[in-house]
PDB file of N, CA and C in Angstrom:
ATOM      1  N   MET A   1      39.619 290.264  45.444  1.00  0.00           N
ATOM      2  CA  MET A   1      40.162 290.794  43.851  1.00  0.00           C
ATOM      3  C   MET A   1      41.389 291.402  44.103  1.00  0.00           C
ATOM      4  N   SER A   2      42.275 290.998  43.225  1.00  0.00           N
ATOM      5  CA  SER A   2      43.745 291.517  43.310  1.00  0.00           C
ATOM      6  C   SER A   2      43.758 292.912  42.621  1.00  0.00           C
ATOM      7  N   ALA A   3      44.990 293.485  42.859  1.00  0.00           N
ATOM      8  CA  ALA A   3      45.258 294.704  42.193  1.00  0.00           C
ATOM      9  C   ALA A   3      45.270 294.569  40.591  1.00  0.00           C
ATOM     10  N   GLU A   4      45.660 293.584  40.074  1.00  0.00           N
ATOM     11  CA  GLU A   4      45.643 293.229  38.729  1.00  0.00           C
ATOM     12  C   GLU A   4      44.238 293.157  38.169  1.00  0.00           C
ATOM     13  N   ASP A   5      43.381 292.697  38.860  1.00  0.00           N
ATOM     14  CA  ASP A   5      41.991 292.531  38.354  1.00  0.00           C
ATOM     15  C   ASP A   5      41.365 293.788  38.250  1.00  0.00           C
ATOM     16  N   VAL A   6      41.628 294.841  39.117  1.00  0.00           N
ATOM     17  CA  VAL A   6      41.164 296.156  39.139  1.00  0.00           C
ATOM     18  C   VAL A   6      41.723 296.792  37.969  1.00  0.00           C
ATOM     19  N   ASN A   7      42.880 296.351  37.357  1.00  0.00           N
ATOM     20  CA  ASN A   7      43.575 297.182  36.347  1.00  0.00           C
ATOM     21  C   ASN A   7      43.110 296.667  34.878  1.00  0.00           C
ATOM     22  N   GLU A   8      42.400 295.233  34.900  1.00  0.00           N
ATOM     23  CA  GLU A   8      41.976 294.667  33.843  1.00  0.00           C
ATOM     24  C   GLU A   8      40.858 295.568  33.132  1.00  0.00           C
ATOM     25  N   SER A   9      40.710 295.556  31.692  1.00  0.00           N
ATOM     26  CA  SER A   9      39.670 296.074  31.127  1.00  0.00           C
ATOM     27  C   SER A   9      38.357 295.043  31.253  1.00  0.00           C
ATOM     28  N   PRO A  10      37.038 295.608  31.067  1.00  0.00           N
ATOM     29  CA  PRO A  10      35.984 294.624  31.044  1.00  0.00           C
ATOM     30  C   PRO A  10      36.141 293.379  29.953  1.00  0.00           C
ATOM     31  N   THR A  11      36.780 293.822  28.991  1.00  0.00           N
ATOM     32  CA  THR A  11      37.001 292.584  27.935  1.00  0.00           C
ATOM     33  C   THR A  11      37.965 291.623  28.419  1.00  0.00           C
ATOM     34  N   GLN A  12      39.043 292.244  28.978  1.00  0.00           N
ATOM     35  CA  GLN A  12      40.063 291.184  29.537  1.00  0.00           C
ATOM     36  C   GLN A  12      39.348 290.359  30.777  1.00  0.00           C
ATOM     37  N   GLN A  13      38.619 290.851  31.577  1.00  0.00           N
ATOM     38  CA  GLN A  13      37.819 290.312  32.654  1.00  0.00           C
ATOM     39  C   GLN A  13      37.054 289.113  32.022  1.00  0.00           C
ATOM     40  N   VAL A  14      36.326 289.423  30.956  1.00  0.00           N
ATOM     41  CA  VAL A  14      35.440 288.407  30.251  1.00  0.00           C
ATOM     42  C   VAL A  14      36.315 287.344  29.637  1.00  0.00           C
ATOM     43  N   ASP A  15      37.360 287.699  28.985  1.00  0.00           N
ATOM     44  CA  ASP A  15      38.284 286.707  28.375  1.00  0.00           C
ATOM     45  C   ASP A  15      38.841 285.877  29.388  1.00  0.00           C
ATOM     46  N   ASP A  16      39.101 286.357  30.479  1.00  0.00           N
ATOM     47  CA  ASP A  16      39.787 285.619  31.651  1.00  0.00           C
ATOM     48  C   ASP A  16      38.647 284.582  32.082  1.00  0.00           C
ATOM     49  N   LEU A  17      37.595 285.022  32.326  1.00  0.00           N
ATOM     50  CA  LEU A  17      36.461 284.298  32.740  1.00  0.00           C
ATOM     51  C   LEU A  17      36.291 283.152  31.838  1.00  0.00           C
ATOM     52  N   ARG A  18      36.215 283.428  30.542  1.00  0.00           N
ATOM     53  CA  ARG A  18      35.885 282.499  29.455  1.00  0.00           C
ATOM     54  C   ARG A  18      36.988 281.289  29.537  1.00  0.00           C
ATOM     55  N   VAL A  19      38.297 281.718  29.763  1.00  0.00           N
ATOM     56  CA  VAL A  19      39.411 280.799  29.807  1.00  0.00           C
ATOM     57  C   VAL A  19      39.120 279.722  30.993  1.00  0.00           C
ATOM     58  N   ARG A  20      38.948 280.382  32.169  1.00  0.00           N
ATOM     59  CA  ARG A  20      38.585 279.598  33.452  1.00  0.00           C
ATOM     60  C   ARG A  20      37.449 278.643  33.218  1.00  0.00           C
ATOM     61  N   ILE A  21      36.217 279.249  32.634  1.00  0.00           N
ATOM     62  CA  ILE A  21      35.084 278.355  32.424  1.00  0.00           C
ATOM     63  C   ILE A  21      35.449 277.109  31.414  1.00  0.00           C
ATOM     64  N   GLN A  22      36.254 277.424  30.231  1.00  0.00           N
ATOM     65  CA  GLN A  22      36.587 276.445  29.398  1.00  0.00           C
ATOM     66  C   GLN A  22      37.575 275.388  29.995  1.00  0.00           C
ATOM     67  N   ALA A  23      38.408 275.849  30.871  1.00  0.00           N
ATOM     68  CA  ALA A  23      39.044 274.766  31.607  1.00  0.00           C
ATOM     69  C   ALA A  23      38.395 273.878  32.412  1.00  0.00           C
ATOM     70  N   VAL A  24      37.343 274.356  33.147  1.00  0.00           N
ATOM     71  CA  VAL A  24      36.356 273.404  33.788  1.00  0.00           C
ATOM     72  C   VAL A  24      35.695 272.471  32.925  1.00  0.00           C
ATOM     73  N   ILE A  25      35.009 273.075  31.790  1.00  0.00           N
ATOM     74  CA  ILE A  25      34.489 272.351  30.846  1.00  0.00           C
ATOM     75  C   ILE A  25      35.221 271.115  30.330  1.00  0.00           C
ATOM     76  N   ASP A  26      36.523 271.463  29.825  1.00  0.00           N
ATOM     77  CA  ASP A  26      37.520 270.626  29.274  1.00  0.00           C
ATOM     78  C   ASP A  26      38.022 269.603  30.342  1.00  0.00           C
ATOM     79  N   GLY A  27      38.262 270.056  31.516  1.00  0.00           N
ATOM     80  CA  GLY A  27      38.824 269.131  32.549  1.00  0.00           C
ATOM     81  C   GLY A  27      38.157 268.398  33.440  1.00  0.00           C
ATOM     82  N   GLN A  28      36.622 268.765  33.688  1.00  0.00           N
ATOM     83  CA  GLN A  28      35.923 268.095  34.517  1.00  0.00           C
ATOM     84  C   GLN A  28      34.621 267.744  33.891  1.00  0.00           C
ATOM     85  N   ILE A  29      33.967 268.872  33.173  1.00  0.00           N
ATOM     86  CA  ILE A  29      32.592 268.498  32.784  1.00  0.00           C
ATOM     87  C   ILE A  29      32.425 267.575  31.604  1.00  0.00           C
ATOM     88  N   ASN A  30      33.153 267.761  30.549  1.00  0.00           N
ATOM     89  CA  ASN A  30      33.165 266.827  29.377  1.00  0.00           C
ATOM     90  C   ASN A  30      33.632 265.546  29.644  1.00  0.00           C
ATOM     91  N   PRO A  31      34.678 265.260  30.498  1.00  0.00           N
ATOM     92  CA  PRO A  31      34.875 263.724  30.787  1.00  0.00           C
ATOM     93  C   PRO A  31      33.636 263.030  31.423  1.00  0.00           C
ATOM     94  N   ALA A  32      32.912 263.932  32.299  1.00  0.00           N
ATOM     95  CA  ALA A  32      31.841 263.284  33.067  1.00  0.00           C
ATOM     96  C   ALA A  32      30.719 262.912  32.133  1.00  0.00           C
ATOM     97  N   VAL A  33      30.253 263.943  31.241  1.00  0.00           N
ATOM     98  CA  VAL A  33      29.133 263.758  30.369  1.00  0.00           C
ATOM     99  C   VAL A  33      29.582 262.962  29.273  1.00  0.00           C
ATOM    100  N   GLY A  34      30.897 262.854  29.069  1.00  0.00           N
ATOM    101  CA  GLY A  34      31.261 261.956  27.894  1.00  0.00           C
ATOM    102  C   GLY A  34      31.153 260.663  28.059  1.00  0.00           C
ATOM    103  N   MET A  35      31.118 260.181  29.499  1.00  0.00           N
ATOM    104  CA  MET A  35      30.811 258.756  29.679  1.00  0.00           C
ATOM    105  C   MET A  35      29.283 258.304  29.187  1.00  0.00           C
ATOM    106  N   HIS A  36      28.536 259.440  28.869  1.00  0.00           N
ATOM    107  CA  HIS A  36      27.224 258.990  28.508  1.00  0.00           C
ATOM    108  C   HIS A  36      26.990 259.457  27.027  1.00  0.00           C
ATOM    109  N   GLY A  37      28.105 259.756  26.377  1.00  0.00           N
ATOM    110  CA  GLY A  37      28.052 259.945  25.045  1.00  0.00           C
ATOM    111  C   GLY A  37      27.784 261.510  24.722  1.00  0.00           C
ATOM    112  N   GLY A  38      27.834 262.459  25.590  1.00  0.00           N
ATOM    113  CA  GLY A  38      27.634 263.846  25.549  1.00  0.00           C
ATOM    114  C   GLY A  38      29.057 264.722  25.644  1.00  0.00           C
ATOM    115  N   PHE A  39      28.652 265.946  25.281  1.00  0.00           N
ATOM    116  CA  PHE A  39      29.686 267.011  25.396  1.00  0.00           C
ATOM    117  C   PHE A  39      29.093 268.414  25.673  1.00  0.00           C
ATOM    118  N   VAL A  40      29.829 269.233  26.082  1.00  0.00           N
ATOM    119  CA  VAL A  40      29.232 270.540  26.451  1.00  0.00           C
ATOM    120  C   VAL A  40      30.213 271.627  25.783  1.00  0.00           C
ATOM    121  N   THR A  41      29.676 272.600  25.027  1.00  0.00           N
ATOM    122  CA  THR A  41      30.384 273.702  24.465  1.00  0.00           C
ATOM    123  C   THR A  41      30.074 275.024  25.064  1.00  0.00           C
ATOM    124  N   LEU A  42      31.024 275.874  25.431  1.00  0.00           N
ATOM    125  CA  LEU A  42      30.784 277.150  25.832  1.00  0.00           C
ATOM    126  C   LEU A  42      30.297 278.025  24.671  1.00  0.00           C
ATOM    127  N   VAL A  43      29.249 278.635  24.913  1.00  0.00           N
ATOM    128  CA  VAL A  43      28.659 279.472  23.597  1.00  0.00           C
ATOM    129  C   VAL A  43      29.051 280.873  23.975  1.00  0.00           C
ATOM    130  N   ASP A  44      28.581 281.559  25.173  1.00  0.00           N
ATOM    131  CA  ASP A  44      28.931 282.746  25.447  1.00  0.00           C
ATOM    132  C   ASP A  44      28.950 282.974  26.975  1.00  0.00           C
ATOM    133  N   VAL A  45      29.452 284.264  27.302  1.00  0.00           N
ATOM    134  CA  VAL A  45      29.465 284.585  28.594  1.00  0.00           C
ATOM    135  C   VAL A  45      28.960 286.167  28.573  1.00  0.00           C
ATOM    136  N   VAL A  46      27.834 286.367  29.247  1.00  0.00           N
ATOM    137  CA  VAL A  46      27.246 287.778  29.340  1.00  0.00           C
ATOM    138  C   VAL A  46      27.045 288.127  30.798  1.00  0.00           C
ATOM    139  N   ASP A  47      27.733 289.113  31.192  1.00  0.00           N
ATOM    140  CA  ASP A  47      27.954 289.627  32.657  1.00  0.00           C
ATOM    141  C   ASP A  47      28.367 288.257  33.430  1.00  0.00           C
ATOM    142  N   SER A  48      27.666 287.932  34.205  1.00  0.00           N
ATOM    143  CA  SER A  48      27.874 286.668  35.097  1.00  0.00           C
ATOM    144  C   SER A  48      27.269 285.398  34.570  1.00  0.00           C
ATOM    145  N   ARG A  49      26.510 285.407  33.571  1.00  0.00           N
ATOM    146  CA  ARG A  49      25.692 284.464  32.993  1.00  0.00           C
ATOM    147  C   ARG A  49      26.493 283.599  31.912  1.00  0.00           C
ATOM    148  N   VAL A  50      26.552 282.401  31.982  1.00  0.00           N
ATOM    149  CA  VAL A  50      27.195 281.384  31.182  1.00  0.00           C
ATOM    150  C   VAL A  50      26.180 280.808  30.188  1.00  0.00           C
ATOM    151  N   TYR A  51      26.426 280.805  28.903  1.00  0.00           N
ATOM    152  CA  TYR A  51      25.639 279.992  28.010  1.00  0.00           C
ATOM    153  C   TYR A  51      26.218 278.795  27.454  1.00  0.00           C
ATOM    154  N   VAL A  52      25.710 277.537  27.321  1.00  0.00           N
ATOM    155  CA  VAL A  52      26.474 276.496  26.959  1.00  0.00           C
ATOM    156  C   VAL A  52      25.451 275.704  25.984  1.00  0.00           C
ATOM    157  N   GLN A  53      26.074 274.937  25.204  1.00  0.00           N
ATOM    158  CA  GLN A  53      25.277 274.018  24.308  1.00  0.00           C
ATOM    159  C   GLN A  53      25.764 272.576  24.605  1.00  0.00           C
ATOM    160  N   MET A  54      24.583 271.860  24.637  1.00  0.00           N
ATOM    161  CA  MET A  54      24.851 270.434  25.014  1.00  0.00           C
ATOM    162  C   MET A  54      24.689 269.641  23.866  1.00  0.00           C
ATOM    163  N   ALA A  55      25.700 268.775  23.489  1.00  0.00           N
ATOM    164  CA  ALA A  55      25.513 267.939  22.266  1.00  0.00           C
ATOM    165  C   ALA A  55      25.790 266.472  22.552  1.00  0.00           C
ATOM    166  N   GLY A  56      25.661 265.692  21.397  1.00  0.00           N
ATOM    167  CA  GLY A  56      25.850 264.246  21.659  1.00  0.00           C
ATOM    168  C   GLY A  56      24.729 263.610  22.452  1.00  0.00           C
ATOM    169  N   GLY A  57      25.002 262.888  23.438  1.00  0.00           N
ATOM    170  CA  GLY A  57      24.005 262.166  24.237  1.00  0.00           C
ATOM    171  C   GLY A  57      23.265 263.173  24.958  1.00  0.00           C
ATOM    172  N   CYS A  58      23.902 264.386  25.221  1.00  0.00           N
ATOM    173  CA  CYS A  58      23.137 265.312  26.062  1.00  0.00           C
ATOM    174  C   CYS A  58      21.950 266.090  25.235  1.00  0.00           C
ATOM    175  N   GLN A  59      22.134 266.110  23.991  1.00  0.00           N
ATOM    176  CA  GLN A  59      21.111 266.848  23.227  1.00  0.00           C
ATOM    177  C   GLN A  59      19.768 266.110  23.210  1.00  0.00           C
ATOM    178  N   GLY A  60      18.871 266.646  23.622  1.00  0.00           N
ATOM    179  CA  GLY A  60      17.437 266.077  23.707  1.00  0.00           C
ATOM    180  C   GLY A  60      17.088 265.081  24.733  1.00  0.00           C
ATOM    181  N   CYS A  61      18.252 264.829  25.571  1.00  0.00           N
ATOM    182  CA  CYS A  61      18.063 263.779  26.631  1.00  0.00           C
ATOM    183  C   CYS A  61      17.007 264.385  27.640  1.00  0.00           C
ATOM    184  N   GLY A  62      16.312 263.587  28.161  1.00  0.00           N
ATOM    185  CA  GLY A  62      15.177 263.984  29.247  1.00  0.00           C
ATOM    186  C   GLY A  62      15.791 264.427  30.529  1.00  0.00           C
ATOM    187  N   ALA A  63      17.079 263.993  30.802  1.00  0.00           N
ATOM    188  CA  ALA A  63      17.651 264.498  31.953  1.00  0.00           C
ATOM    189  C   ALA A  63      18.648 265.699  31.834  1.00  0.00           C
ATOM    190  N   ALA A  64      18.527 266.323  30.603  1.00  0.00           N
ATOM    191  CA  ALA A  64      19.589 267.385  30.193  1.00  0.00           C
ATOM    192  C   ALA A  64      19.373 268.696  31.279  1.00  0.00           C
ATOM    193  N   ASN A  65      18.176 268.887  31.635  1.00  0.00           N
ATOM    194  CA  ASN A  65      18.040 270.049  32.543  1.00  0.00           C
ATOM    195  C   ASN A  65      18.671 269.772  33.925  1.00  0.00           C
ATOM    196  N   HIS A  66      18.476 268.583  34.331  1.00  0.00           N
ATOM    197  CA  HIS A  66      19.044 268.214  35.566  1.00  0.00           C
ATOM    198  C   HIS A  66      20.522 268.155  35.651  1.00  0.00           C
ATOM    199  N   THR A  67      20.957 267.821  34.420  1.00  0.00           N
ATOM    200  CA  THR A  67      22.426 267.794  34.220  1.00  0.00           C
ATOM    201  C   THR A  67      23.120 269.025  34.321  1.00  0.00           C
ATOM    202  N   LEU A  68      22.277 270.029  33.613  1.00  0.00           N
ATOM    203  CA  LEU A  68      22.610 271.447  33.425  1.00  0.00           C
ATOM    204  C   LEU A  68      22.682 271.981  34.870  1.00  0.00           C
ATOM    205  N   LYS A  69      21.658 271.984  35.518  1.00  0.00           N
ATOM    206  CA  LYS A  69      21.501 272.753  36.827  1.00  0.00           C
ATOM    207  C   LYS A  69      22.243 272.004  37.990  1.00  0.00           C
ATOM    208  N   ALA A  70      22.056 270.688  38.192  1.00  0.00           N
ATOM    209  CA  ALA A  70      22.734 269.930  39.480  1.00  0.00           C
ATOM    210  C   ALA A  70      24.067 269.623  39.169  1.00  0.00           C
ATOM    211  N   GLY A  71      24.312 269.387  37.840  1.00  0.00           N
ATOM    212  CA  GLY A  71      25.878 269.143  37.540  1.00  0.00           C
ATOM    213  C   GLY A  71      26.726 270.096  37.052  1.00  0.00           C
ATOM    214  N   ILE A  72      26.347 270.614  35.856  1.00  0.00           N
ATOM    215  CA  ILE A  72      27.234 271.633  35.178  1.00  0.00           C
ATOM    216  C   ILE A  72      27.169 273.098  36.069  1.00  0.00           C
ATOM    217  N   GLU A  73      26.073 273.625  36.151  1.00  0.00           N
ATOM    218  CA  GLU A  73      25.980 274.842  36.761  1.00  0.00           C
ATOM    219  C   GLU A  73      26.479 274.664  38.334  1.00  0.00           C
ATOM    220  N   ALA A  74      26.203 273.588  38.959  1.00  0.00           N
ATOM    221  CA  ALA A  74      26.710 273.513  40.320  1.00  0.00           C
ATOM    222  C   ALA A  74      28.180 273.447  40.608  1.00  0.00           C
ATOM    223  N   LEU A  75      28.819 272.719  39.476  1.00  0.00           N
ATOM    224  CA  LEU A  75      30.299 272.735  39.330  1.00  0.00           C
ATOM    225  C   LEU A  75      30.958 273.961  38.982  1.00  0.00           C
ATOM    226  N   LEU A  76      30.356 274.685  37.918  1.00  0.00           N
ATOM    227  CA  LEU A  76      31.004 275.987  37.587  1.00  0.00           C
ATOM    228  C   LEU A  76      30.817 276.981  38.686  1.00  0.00           C
ATOM    229  N   LYS A  77      29.855 276.997  39.327  1.00  0.00           N
ATOM    230  CA  LYS A  77      29.626 278.048  40.356  1.00  0.00           C
ATOM    231  C   LYS A  77      30.571 277.693  41.625  1.00  0.00           C
ATOM    232  N   GLU A  78      30.818 276.296  41.879  1.00  0.00           N
ATOM    233  CA  GLU A  78      31.729 276.087  42.929  1.00  0.00           C
ATOM    234  C   GLU A  78      33.245 276.528  42.649  1.00  0.00           C
ATOM    235  N   GLU A  79      33.486 276.145  41.182  1.00  0.00           N
ATOM    236  CA  GLU A  79      34.971 276.485  40.909  1.00  0.00           C
ATOM    237  C   GLU A  79      35.091 277.996  40.515  1.00  0.00           C
ATOM    238  N   ILE A  80      34.209 278.577  40.118  1.00  0.00           N
ATOM    239  CA  ILE A  80      34.093 279.998  39.626  1.00  0.00           C
ATOM    240  C   ILE A  80      33.037 280.763  40.282  1.00  0.00           C
ATOM    241  N   PRO A  81      33.125 281.217  41.491  1.00  0.00           N
ATOM    242  CA  PRO A  81      32.015 281.878  42.322  1.00  0.00           C
ATOM    243  C   PRO A  81      31.352 283.028  41.682  1.00  0.00           C
ATOM    244  N   GLU A  82      32.048 283.690  40.881  1.00  0.00           N
ATOM    245  CA  GLU A  82      31.415 284.986  40.164  1.00  0.00           C
ATOM    246  C   GLU A  82      30.438 284.600  39.122  1.00  0.00           C
ATOM    247  N   ILE A  83      30.148 283.342  38.809  1.00  0.00           N
ATOM    248  CA  ILE A  83      29.080 282.944  37.858  1.00  0.00           C
ATOM    249  C   ILE A  83      27.769 283.046  38.743  1.00  0.00           C
ATOM    250  N   SER A  84      26.677 283.757  38.128  1.00  0.00           N
ATOM    251  CA  SER A  84      25.494 283.717  38.624  1.00  0.00           C
ATOM    252  C   SER A  84      24.476 282.626  38.098  1.00  0.00           C
ATOM    253  N   GLU A  85      24.665 282.229  36.800  1.00  0.00           N
ATOM    254  CA  GLU A  85      23.747 281.348  36.354  1.00  0.00           C
ATOM    255  C   GLU A  85      24.388 280.735  35.113  1.00  0.00           C
ATOM    256  N   VAL A  86      23.995 279.491  34.941  1.00  0.00           N
ATOM    257  CA  VAL A  86      24.435 278.754  33.565  1.00  0.00           C
ATOM    258  C   VAL A  86      23.061 278.500  32.669  1.00  0.00           C
ATOM    259  N   LEU A  87      22.888 278.750  31.559  1.00  0.00           N
ATOM    260  CA  LEU A  87      21.790 278.657  30.607  1.00  0.00           C
ATOM    261  C   LEU A  87      22.103 277.820  29.443  1.00  0.00           C
ATOM    262  N   ASP A  88      21.099 277.104  29.180  1.00  0.00           N
ATOM    263  CA  ASP A  88      21.267 275.966  28.015  1.00  0.00           C
ATOM    264  C   ASP A  88      20.760 276.831  26.740  1.00  0.00           C
ATOM    265  N   ALA A  89      21.672 276.835  25.907  1.00  0.00           N
ATOM    266  CA  ALA A  89      21.420 277.465  24.409  1.00  0.00           C
ATOM    267  C   ALA A  89      21.182 276.311  23.426  1.00  0.00           C
ATOM    268  N   THR A  90      20.942 275.114  23.953  1.00  0.00           N
ATOM    269  CA  THR A  90      20.722 274.074  22.967  1.00  0.00           C
ATOM    270  C   THR A  90      19.268 273.981  22.302  1.00  0.00           C
ATOM    271  N   ASP A  91      19.120 273.606  21.107  1.00  0.00           N
ATOM    272  CA  ASP A  91      17.976 273.223  20.484  1.00  0.00           C
ATOM    273  C   ASP A  91      17.782 271.743  20.653  1.00  0.00           C
ATOM    274  N   HIS A  92      17.154 271.299  21.694  1.00  0.00           N
ATOM    275  CA  HIS A  92      17.201 269.930  21.958  1.00  0.00           C
ATOM    276  C   HIS A  92      16.233 269.069  20.978  1.00  0.00           C
ATOM    277  N   ASP A  93      15.600 269.771  20.234  1.00  0.00           N
ATOM    278  CA  ASP A  93      14.679 269.106  19.180  1.00  0.00           C
ATOM    279  C   ASP A  93      15.455 269.063  17.786  1.00  0.00           C
ATOM    280  N   ALA A  94      16.483 269.663  17.708  1.00  0.00           N
ATOM    281  CA  ALA A  94      17.313 269.680  16.293  1.00  0.00           C
ATOM    282  C   ALA A  94      18.297 268.427  16.375  1.00  0.00           C
ATOM    283  N   GLY A  95      18.974 268.220  15.330  1.00  0.00           N
ATOM    284  CA  GLY A  95      20.018 267.263  15.298  1.00  0.00           C
ATOM    285  C   GLY A  95      19.711 266.096  14.576  1.00  0.00           C
ATOM    286  N   ALA A  96      20.722 265.355  14.147  1.00  0.00           N
ATOM    287  CA  ALA A  96      20.312 264.214  13.247  1.00  0.00           C
ATOM    288  C   ALA A  96      19.635 263.028  14.030  1.00  0.00           C
ATOM    289  N   SER A  97      20.175 262.717  15.346  1.00  0.00           N
ATOM    290  CA  SER A  97      19.605 261.755  16.182  1.00  0.00           C
ATOM    291  C   SER A  97      19.732 262.219  17.619  1.00  0.00           C
ATOM    292  N   PRO A  98      19.014 263.171  18.050  1.00  0.00           N
ATOM    293  CA  PRO A  98      18.967 263.564  19.556  1.00  0.00           C
ATOM    294  C   PRO A  98      18.746 262.060  20.348  1.00  0.00           C
ATOM    295  N   TYR A  99      19.328 262.383  21.485  1.00  0.00           N
ATOM    296  CA  TYR A  99      19.112 261.091  22.296  1.00  0.00           C
ATOM    297  C   TYR A  99      17.819 260.810  22.756  1.00  0.00           C
ATOM    298  N   PHE A 100      17.092 261.918  23.065  1.00  0.00           N
ATOM    299  CA  PHE A 100      15.610 261.655  23.568  1.00  0.00           C
ATOM    300  C   PHE A 100      14.648 262.581  22.715  1.00  0.00           C
ATOM    301  N   ALA A 101      13.666 261.944  22.124  1.00  0.00           N
ATOM    302  CA  ALA A 101      12.749 262.479  21.237  1.00  0.00           C
ATOM    303  C   ALA A 101      11.538 262.566  21.915  1.00  0.00           C
ATOM    304  N   PRO A 102      10.893 263.744  22.433  1.00  0.00           N
ATOM    305  CA  PRO A 102       9.721 263.728  23.197  1.00  0.00           C
ATOM    306  C   PRO A 102       8.608 263.396  22.369  1.00  0.00           C
ATOM    307  N   GLN A 103       7.617 262.633  22.917  1.00  0.00           N
ATOM    308  CA  GLN A 103       6.420 262.316  22.293  1.00  0.00           C
ATOM    309  C   GLN A 103       5.565 263.340  21.908  1.00  0.00           C
ATOM    310  N   ARG A 104       4.946 263.522  20.795  1.00  0.00           N
ATOM    311  CA  ARG A 104       4.228 264.509  20.252  1.00  0.00           C
ATOM    312  C   ARG A 104       2.636 264.013  20.141  1.00  0.00           C
TER     313      ARG A 104
END
């Protein structure tokens, strides 16, 4: 942690974290999931937890949890070590045509 980090307010630290997370989403995550018709949106950052929404081909996909944990969370934690967890804020049953509709 640098001297500048110590002088930042908690709001500035969260804003900086959001910018860094968004850069990883835009530069690495969305191009990867975009190849399958999906995209990820940053919803919120609370403490060290990141909330994302998965849309397009990712919404309702049977592999969405695997993509979240093994792909998105792993990459974000690698790039930004202060992240403790990435959580899915997606309603996978909603939407005009989610990729995967579970059998009822």
